[in-house]
Amino acid sequence: MGVEMFHHKEIVKAVRLICQSAAALTEDTDGSEIVNVGSNYLFDTGQTVELVDEGSAAGQYVVSERVELGKLRLDRAVEGEYTVARGAMVRMKPPRLSGLQWVVEGRPEVVPASEGRQFPGIVVELRQMEQPVKEGTNKSYRQQYHYRIYYLHPVEQGEENEAAVAEETGKLFNLLMQDTYLGGTCWYSQVVRVDNRPAEEEQLRRRGVNVRVTAIDLVATRAEMWCP
């Protein structure tokens, strides 16, 4: 079996879920009041959440306790079964970004120039992954994954709209900073930059996608062991 050391797939999945105020379950539910997640930092005691997967109706609960790093104790036993194989997740109800329509991975140009496209939406792009030579050993590497998260807002005129865009950007910023473990996929992450007028906004408008764009730069860090 080859060495699995490129972890973009699992990190970007966690980032996309965080943008949707959610975290993936790491184990199937077992009928108890405990659900297992990679990191529980996204949620607060007393918060209303829902469990959902591709094959079950959503169930609504209240977080009664965060247990260590990877467990949430709910206010009652989970009814039904939510499985990892069906993409089970726990998410805030309502989500922090309540008007969010979609979250995709790629580059901003993946957004089609269609009048029927609903906004706001989010595009998550991996800009760079690096393993600094001076921070590695013969048994480990320090990895840094650099992401840019584009938040695409519908265009409206006026000062009130600009204030609304700033408020929603702040909510996304807070979501990304609340769980610095990114659902257990890294040992530290941090937002390092917010760009209110990225060049991608003008590029999208030239293609006929009439949106306001803000961009958030996120760095996720892992300490990866190498065992040949």
Protein backbone atom coordinates (compact mmCIF):
# COMPACT_ATOMS: atom_id res chain seq x y z
CA MET A 1 0.00 0.00 0.00
CA GLY A 2 1.34 3.45 -0.91
CA VAL A 3 1.99 6.20 1.62
CA GLU A 4 -1.06 8.46 1.93
CA MET A 5 0.26 11.92 2.71
CA PHE A 6 -1.78 14.36 0.62
CA HIS A 7 -4.84 15.25 2.69
CA HIS A 8 -6.59 17.90 0.63
CA LYS A 9 -9.68 15.76 0.05
CA GLU A 10 -10.52 15.36 3.73
CA ILE A 11 -9.58 18.94 4.64
CA VAL A 12 -11.64 20.55 1.88
CA LYS A 13 -14.63 18.40 2.83
CA ALA A 14 -14.37 19.68 6.40
CA VAL A 15 -14.03 23.29 5.23
CA ARG A 16 -17.09 22.98 2.99
CA LEU A 17 -19.11 21.56 5.88
CA ILE A 18 -17.97 24.31 8.25
CA CYS A 19 -19.14 26.90 5.72
CA GLN A 20 -22.54 25.18 6.04
CA SER A 21 -22.36 25.25 9.89
CA ALA A 22 -21.87 21.47 9.99
CA ALA A 23 -19.45 18.70 10.91
CA ALA A 24 -19.31 15.13 9.59
CA LEU A 25 -19.94 12.22 11.91
CA THR A 26 -16.95 9.90 12.30
CA GLU A 27 -19.00 6.95 13.59
CA ASP A 28 -22.53 5.74 12.99
CA THR A 29 -25.04 6.68 15.66
CA ASP A 30 -25.79 3.86 18.10
CA GLY A 31 -29.05 4.89 19.75
CA SER A 32 -27.38 6.74 22.61
CA GLU A 33 -27.30 10.51 23.20
CA ILE A 34 -23.65 10.67 22.04
CA VAL A 35 -22.58 11.53 18.49
CA ASN A 36 -18.96 11.35 17.36
CA VAL A 37 -17.29 14.05 15.24
CA GLY A 38 -13.69 14.86 14.34
CA SER A 39 -13.89 18.07 16.39
CA ASN A 40 -16.78 19.51 18.41
CA TYR A 41 -15.49 23.10 18.59
CA LEU A 42 -18.05 24.34 16.07
CA PHE A 43 -20.92 23.80 18.53
CA ASP A 44 -21.95 25.34 21.84
CA THR A 45 -23.84 23.96 24.81
CA GLY A 46 -27.53 24.80 24.52
CA GLN A 47 -27.38 25.12 20.74
CA THR A 48 -30.11 23.57 18.58
CA VAL A 49 -28.72 21.18 15.94
CA GLU A 50 -30.02 18.61 13.52
CA LEU A 51 -28.72 15.23 12.46
CA VAL A 52 -29.09 14.37 8.81
CA ASP A 53 -27.79 11.95 6.19
CA GLU A 54 -28.70 11.01 2.62
CA GLY A 55 -31.20 8.36 3.66
CA SER A 56 -32.93 9.66 6.79
CA ALA A 57 -35.20 12.50 7.81
CA ALA A 58 -33.51 15.23 9.83
CA GLY A 59 -33.79 14.92 13.61
CA GLN A 60 -33.62 17.99 15.84
CA TYR A 61 -31.73 18.01 19.15
CA VAL A 62 -30.03 20.35 21.62
CA VAL A 63 -26.35 20.10 22.54
CA SER A 64 -26.14 19.42 26.27
CA GLU A 65 -22.35 18.95 26.52
CA ARG A 66 -19.13 18.88 24.54
CA VAL A 67 -17.18 15.80 25.63
CA GLU A 68 -13.42 16.07 25.14
CA LEU A 69 -12.65 16.95 21.50
CA GLY A 70 -14.62 14.46 19.46
CA LYS A 71 -18.04 13.92 21.07
CA LEU A 72 -21.30 15.82 21.48
CA ARG A 73 -23.82 14.81 24.12
CA LEU A 74 -27.34 15.62 22.98
CA ASP A 75 -30.42 16.29 25.10
CA ARG A 76 -31.86 12.84 24.36
CA ALA A 77 -31.05 9.55 22.68
CA VAL A 78 -30.78 9.69 18.89
CA GLU A 79 -33.81 8.27 17.13
CA GLY A 80 -33.09 6.21 14.04
CA GLU A 81 -29.66 5.56 12.56
CA TYR A 82 -27.37 8.06 10.84
CA THR A 83 -24.39 6.49 9.11
CA VAL A 84 -21.01 7.65 7.88
CA ALA A 85 -21.57 5.75 4.62
CA ARG A 86 -24.60 7.96 3.92
CA GLY A 87 -22.74 11.18 4.70
CA ALA A 88 -24.15 11.73 8.19
CA MET A 89 -23.54 15.16 9.70
CA VAL A 90 -24.59 17.38 12.56
CA ARG A 91 -25.35 21.01 11.75
CA MET A 92 -26.59 24.14 13.44
CA LYS A 93 -30.27 24.90 13.14
CA PRO A 94 -30.59 27.46 11.71
CA PRO A 95 -27.17 27.55 10.02
CA ARG A 96 -25.03 30.62 10.71
CA LEU A 97 -25.18 31.60 7.01
CA SER A 98 -28.90 31.05 6.66
CA GLY A 99 -29.21 32.25 3.05
CA LEU A 100 -26.34 30.19 1.64
CA GLN A 101 -27.40 28.36 -1.54
CA TRP A 102 -24.40 26.16 -2.39
CA VAL A 103 -20.74 25.38 -1.59
CA VAL A 104 -18.42 23.95 -4.25
CA GLU A 105 -14.74 23.09 -4.56
CA GLY A 106 -12.61 24.52 -7.36
CA ARG A 107 -11.84 27.93 -8.80
CA PRO A 108 -14.20 30.91 -9.21
CA GLU A 109 -14.46 30.28 -12.94
CA VAL A 110 -16.40 27.07 -12.19
CA VAL A 111 -19.39 29.32 -11.43
CA PRO A 112 -21.56 29.35 -14.57
CA ALA A 113 -22.70 32.67 -16.05
CA SER A 114 -26.38 31.80 -15.70
CA GLU A 115 -29.28 34.06 -14.82
CA GLY A 116 -30.81 31.17 -12.91
CA ARG A 117 -27.83 30.77 -10.57
CA GLN A 118 -28.87 31.50 -7.00
CA PHE A 119 -26.63 33.47 -4.65
CA PRO A 120 -25.02 33.71 -2.17
CA GLY A 121 -22.63 30.82 -2.76
CA ILE A 122 -19.12 29.76 -1.76
CA VAL A 123 -16.19 28.41 -3.78
CA VAL A 124 -13.30 26.74 -1.89
CA GLU A 125 -9.96 26.66 -3.72
CA LEU A 126 -6.69 25.00 -2.74
CA ARG A 127 -4.06 27.59 -3.67
CA GLN A 128 -0.94 25.80 -2.45
CA MET A 129 0.40 22.98 -0.29
CA GLU A 130 3.91 23.17 1.12
CA GLN A 131 6.22 21.10 3.31
CA PRO A 132 8.96 23.44 4.63
CA VAL A 133 12.31 21.66 4.50
CA LYS A 134 13.59 23.17 7.75
CA GLU A 135 10.50 22.02 9.65
CA GLY A 136 10.76 18.33 8.71
CA THR A 137 12.73 15.38 10.03
CA ASN A 138 13.53 11.94 8.68
CA LYS A 139 10.30 10.71 10.30
CA SER A 140 7.87 13.61 9.91
CA TYR A 141 6.81 16.56 7.77
CA ARG A 142 5.03 19.76 8.61
CA GLN A 143 2.37 20.39 6.00
CA GLN A 144 0.57 23.65 5.29
CA TYR A 145 -2.50 23.76 3.05
CA HIS A 146 -3.40 27.24 1.80
CA TYR A 147 -7.05 27.77 0.88
CA ARG A 148 -8.91 30.74 -0.54
CA ILE A 149 -12.63 30.79 0.20
CA TYR A 150 -14.68 33.01 -2.11
CA TYR A 151 -18.02 34.25 -0.80
CA LEU A 152 -20.22 35.35 -3.71
CA HIS A 153 -23.04 37.74 -2.81
CA PRO A 154 -25.89 39.00 -5.01
CA VAL A 155 -25.30 42.55 -6.22
CA GLU A 156 -27.52 45.20 -4.72
CA GLN A 157 -27.00 48.93 -4.45
CA GLY A 158 -26.63 51.07 -1.36
CA GLU A 159 -24.87 51.37 1.95
CA GLU A 160 -27.21 48.90 3.64
CA ASN A 161 -26.18 46.14 1.22
CA GLU A 162 -22.48 46.78 1.84
CA ALA A 163 -23.12 46.50 5.57
CA ALA A 164 -25.00 43.23 5.01
CA VAL A 165 -22.12 41.80 2.94
CA ALA A 166 -19.66 42.76 5.68
CA GLU A 167 -21.88 41.12 8.32
CA GLU A 168 -22.17 37.86 6.38
CA THR A 169 -18.42 37.83 5.71
CA GLY A 170 -17.90 38.24 9.44
CA LYS A 171 -20.13 35.22 10.13
CA LEU A 172 -18.07 33.10 7.74
CA PHE A 173 -14.84 34.35 9.30
CA ASN A 174 -16.12 33.38 12.75
CA LEU A 175 -17.18 29.91 11.59
CA LEU A 176 -13.72 29.20 10.18
CA MET A 177 -12.00 30.49 13.32
CA GLN A 178 -14.33 28.66 15.73
CA ASP A 179 -13.07 25.19 14.80
CA THR A 180 -9.31 25.55 14.37
CA TYR A 181 -9.06 21.73 14.07
CA LEU A 182 -11.23 21.84 10.91
CA GLY A 183 -13.32 18.86 11.90
CA GLY A 184 -10.27 16.97 13.15
CA THR A 185 -8.44 17.08 9.81
CA CYS A 186 -5.55 19.25 11.03
CA TRP A 187 -3.96 20.25 14.32
CA TYR A 188 -4.25 23.97 13.74
CA SER A 189 -5.77 26.37 11.25
CA GLN A 190 -6.11 30.14 11.00
CA VAL A 191 -7.68 32.76 8.80
CA VAL A 192 -4.76 34.94 7.71
CA ARG A 193 -6.42 37.45 5.37
CA VAL A 194 -9.76 38.88 4.29
CA ASP A 195 -9.90 40.63 0.91
CA ASN A 196 -13.02 42.72 0.31
CA ARG A 197 -12.22 43.49 -3.35
CA PRO A 198 -10.37 40.52 -4.84
CA ALA A 199 -9.44 40.53 -8.52
CA GLU A 200 -11.77 37.55 -9.04
CA GLU A 201 -14.79 39.84 -8.60
CA GLU A 202 -14.00 41.79 -11.77
CA GLN A 203 -13.12 38.58 -13.62
CA LEU A 204 -16.52 37.08 -12.78
CA ARG A 205 -18.36 40.25 -13.77
CA ARG A 206 -16.65 40.25 -17.16
CA ARG A 207 -18.11 36.77 -17.68
CA GLY A 208 -21.59 38.03 -16.81
CA VAL A 209 -21.72 36.74 -13.22
CA ASN A 210 -22.88 39.90 -11.48
CA VAL A 211 -21.76 39.34 -7.89
CA ARG A 212 -19.92 40.96 -5.00
CA VAL A 213 -16.99 38.81 -3.91
CA THR A 214 -15.09 38.64 -0.66
CA ALA A 215 -12.15 36.25 -0.27
CA ILE A 216 -10.89 34.65 2.94
CA ASP A 217 -7.43 33.05 3.06
CA LEU A 218 -7.14 30.06 5.39
CA VAL A 219 -4.03 28.07 6.32
CA ALA A 220 -4.42 24.52 7.68
CA THR A 221 -1.40 22.90 9.34
CA ARG A 222 -0.69 19.20 9.87
CA ALA A 223 2.23 17.33 11.40
CA GLU A 224 2.46 14.25 9.19
CA MET A 225 4.39 11.17 10.27
CA TRP A 226 6.32 9.26 7.60
CA CYS A 227 6.57 5.50 8.14
CA PRO A 228 7.96 3.71 5.07
